[in-house]
Amino acid sequence: MTRLAAIVFLAAFGSACQKQGNFYPPEKGPQLPVPRFQIRITLSEAAAKKLRDAHESIKGWVAFDGDGHSRPGEYTAPMRSVVLGFYEFEIDRPGVVSVDHATVSEEAFKRLTDTDYYYTINVSSGRHAFKDNVLDGGYAEGHINEATKNPIAISCDLLPPH
């Protein structure tokens, strides 16, 4: 749950999304490609109608991290000890997002103790028509090698009213 809160914070804190995916490496320097994978986003009928009627988009944030050796003095919590990079996307309607041009830091990758690093995906409404996120359930996490086998399914409904 703490990791999800960190991802939500990072997504909200990041710069505005483009209609295509963006990658923000954690540092400058040589980058390694992330294996290509897909995210399949579906919405309940109620969520799809609410977003469609408001002309609202769907945003997503993918964090790449893993187990390994932090740099001396580096504090990575609530992420794992090696933060590799981030990728964000924005789409107009539910569907498949291809993550096909993300990269991770080569320096950070060399500090991993297991090269099958993790992805963490958080999906929310675009916050153009609504001040706050209105989607519930937009979260997935796993190892990158599993992500390449089949599209990662994320299903969202509406958050309950306050």
Protein backbone atom coordinates (compact mmCIF):
# COMPACT_ATOMS: atom_id res chain seq x y z
CA MET A 1 0.00 0.00 0.00
CA THR A 2 2.87 2.35 0.79
CA ARG A 3 4.37 1.65 -2.64
CA LEU A 4 1.02 2.47 -4.28
CA ALA A 5 0.86 5.77 -2.38
CA ALA A 6 4.37 6.63 -3.57
CA ILE A 7 3.49 5.88 -7.18
CA VAL A 8 0.32 7.97 -6.92
CA PHE A 9 2.36 10.82 -5.46
CA LEU A 10 5.02 10.54 -8.17
CA ALA A 11 2.38 10.48 -10.91
CA ALA A 12 0.65 13.56 -9.49
CA PHE A 13 3.95 15.34 -8.93
CA GLY A 14 5.31 14.59 -12.42
CA SER A 15 4.93 16.93 -15.34
CA ALA A 16 1.79 16.92 -17.45
CA CYS A 17 1.39 13.85 -19.65
CA GLN A 18 1.44 13.94 -23.40
CA LYS A 19 -0.94 11.80 -25.44
CA GLN A 20 1.97 9.42 -25.92
CA GLY A 21 4.18 7.71 -23.38
CA ASN A 22 7.05 9.54 -21.72
CA PHE A 23 10.01 8.15 -19.86
CA TYR A 24 11.84 9.97 -17.10
CA PRO A 25 15.15 8.28 -16.25
CA PRO A 26 16.24 8.69 -12.64
CA GLU A 27 19.62 9.99 -13.76
CA LYS A 28 21.56 10.95 -16.82
CA GLY A 29 23.87 8.49 -18.43
CA PRO A 30 23.63 5.33 -20.50
CA GLN A 31 20.19 3.72 -20.65
CA LEU A 32 19.09 0.13 -21.32
CA PRO A 33 15.83 -0.70 -23.12
CA VAL A 34 12.96 -2.17 -21.12
CA PRO A 35 11.55 -5.30 -22.78
CA ARG A 36 8.41 -4.42 -24.75
CA PHE A 37 5.13 -5.15 -22.96
CA GLN A 38 1.49 -4.15 -23.11
CA ILE A 39 -1.09 -2.94 -20.60
CA ARG A 40 -4.76 -3.68 -21.32
CA ILE A 41 -7.01 -1.18 -19.54
CA THR A 42 -10.72 -1.89 -19.20
CA LEU A 43 -13.37 0.17 -17.43
CA SER A 44 -16.73 -0.78 -15.98
CA GLU A 45 -19.71 0.54 -17.95
CA ALA A 46 -20.29 3.23 -15.31
CA ALA A 47 -16.63 4.34 -15.34
CA ALA A 48 -16.47 4.37 -19.15
CA LYS A 49 -19.66 6.45 -19.35
CA LYS A 50 -18.49 8.96 -16.73
CA LEU A 51 -15.12 9.50 -18.47
CA ARG A 52 -16.65 9.56 -21.97
CA ASP A 53 -19.39 12.05 -20.97
CA ALA A 54 -16.81 14.36 -19.35
CA HIS A 55 -14.25 13.95 -22.18
CA GLU A 56 -11.80 12.72 -19.53
CA SER A 57 -8.61 10.79 -20.30
CA ILE A 58 -6.91 7.89 -18.55
CA LYS A 59 -3.37 8.39 -17.19
CA GLY A 60 -0.90 5.77 -16.15
CA TRP A 61 2.48 5.63 -14.47
CA VAL A 62 4.91 2.71 -14.53
CA ALA A 63 7.80 2.53 -12.07
CA PHE A 64 10.72 0.15 -12.58
CA ASP A 65 12.70 -0.89 -9.51
CA GLY A 66 14.41 -3.90 -8.03
CA ASP A 67 16.36 -5.53 -5.25
CA GLY A 68 20.04 -4.79 -5.02
CA HIS A 69 22.50 -2.31 -3.62
CA SER A 70 21.49 1.30 -2.98
CA ARG A 71 24.13 3.97 -3.35
CA PRO A 72 25.66 5.07 -0.04
CA GLY A 73 23.27 7.49 1.64
CA GLU A 74 20.52 6.93 -0.92
CA TYR A 75 17.00 6.64 0.51
CA THR A 76 14.64 4.90 -1.92
CA ALA A 77 11.66 4.00 0.31
CA PRO A 78 8.90 3.24 -0.40
CA MET A 79 10.42 1.97 -3.65
CA ARG A 80 12.77 -1.02 -3.63
CA SER A 81 16.47 -0.44 -3.03
CA VAL A 82 17.31 0.21 -6.71
CA VAL A 83 15.13 2.69 -8.61
CA LEU A 84 15.59 2.13 -12.35
CA GLY A 85 13.22 4.63 -13.93
CA PHE A 86 9.66 5.69 -14.70
CA TYR A 87 7.31 5.75 -17.67
CA GLU A 88 3.99 7.54 -18.03
CA PHE A 89 1.20 7.51 -20.58
CA GLU A 90 -2.16 9.09 -21.27
CA ILE A 91 -4.92 7.66 -23.49
CA ASP A 92 -8.31 8.99 -24.55
CA ARG A 93 -10.24 5.76 -23.93
CA PRO A 94 -9.71 2.26 -22.51
CA GLY A 95 -7.59 -0.07 -24.60
CA VAL A 96 -4.08 -1.43 -25.01
CA VAL A 97 -1.03 0.66 -24.19
CA SER A 98 2.25 -0.55 -25.72
CA VAL A 99 5.26 0.21 -23.56
CA ASP A 100 7.81 -0.09 -26.33
CA HIS A 101 10.33 2.70 -25.85
CA ALA A 102 10.98 2.84 -22.10
CA THR A 103 14.54 2.61 -20.81
CA VAL A 104 16.20 2.13 -17.43
CA SER A 105 19.43 3.44 -16.03
CA GLU A 106 22.39 1.22 -16.92
CA GLU A 107 24.21 2.28 -13.74
CA ALA A 108 21.23 1.33 -11.57
CA PHE A 109 20.72 -1.93 -13.49
CA LYS A 110 24.29 -2.98 -12.63
CA ARG A 111 23.42 -2.62 -8.92
CA LEU A 112 20.58 -5.17 -9.12
CA THR A 113 21.04 -8.55 -7.43
CA ASP A 114 18.28 -10.00 -9.65
CA THR A 115 17.91 -8.68 -13.21
CA ASP A 116 14.23 -9.74 -13.30
CA TYR A 117 13.27 -6.36 -11.84
CA TYR A 118 9.78 -5.18 -10.95
CA TYR A 119 7.20 -2.99 -12.64
CA THR A 120 4.48 -1.18 -10.70
CA ILE A 121 1.61 0.33 -12.69
CA ASN A 122 -0.87 2.89 -11.40
CA VAL A 123 -3.82 4.04 -13.53
CA SER A 124 -6.10 6.99 -12.77
CA SER A 125 -8.44 9.38 -14.50
CA GLY A 126 -6.65 12.19 -16.30
CA ARG A 127 -7.75 14.95 -13.89
CA HIS A 128 -8.67 17.28 -16.72
CA ALA A 129 -12.44 17.24 -16.20
CA PHE A 130 -12.35 16.19 -12.54
CA LYS A 131 -10.16 17.66 -9.80
CA ASP A 132 -9.49 14.23 -8.27
CA ASN A 133 -9.11 10.71 -9.59
CA VAL A 134 -12.48 9.00 -10.10
CA LEU A 135 -11.19 5.50 -10.96
CA ASP A 136 -10.77 2.59 -8.56
CA GLY A 137 -8.65 -0.52 -9.10
CA GLY A 138 -5.98 0.81 -11.46
CA TYR A 139 -2.98 -1.05 -10.06
CA ALA A 140 -0.70 -3.92 -11.10
CA GLU A 141 2.72 -5.13 -9.99
CA GLY A 142 5.02 -7.95 -11.04
CA HIS A 143 8.33 -9.02 -12.54
CA ILE A 144 9.34 -7.64 -15.92
CA ASN A 145 9.88 -11.12 -17.42
CA GLU A 146 6.23 -11.99 -16.71
CA ALA A 147 5.04 -8.70 -18.23
CA THR A 148 6.43 -9.65 -21.63
CA LYS A 149 4.40 -12.87 -21.88
CA ASN A 150 0.84 -11.48 -21.96
CA PRO A 151 -0.74 -8.04 -21.72
CA ILE A 152 -1.09 -6.85 -18.12
CA ALA A 153 -4.80 -6.55 -17.40
CA ILE A 154 -6.01 -3.60 -15.34
CA SER A 155 -9.74 -3.18 -14.72
CA CYS A 156 -11.14 -0.02 -13.16
CA ASP A 157 -14.49 0.92 -11.74
CA LEU A 158 -15.63 4.22 -10.24
CA LEU A 159 -14.48 5.19 -6.79
CA PRO A 160 -17.38 5.32 -4.36
CA PRO A 161 -18.70 8.85 -3.72
CA HIS A 162 -17.28 10.55 -0.64
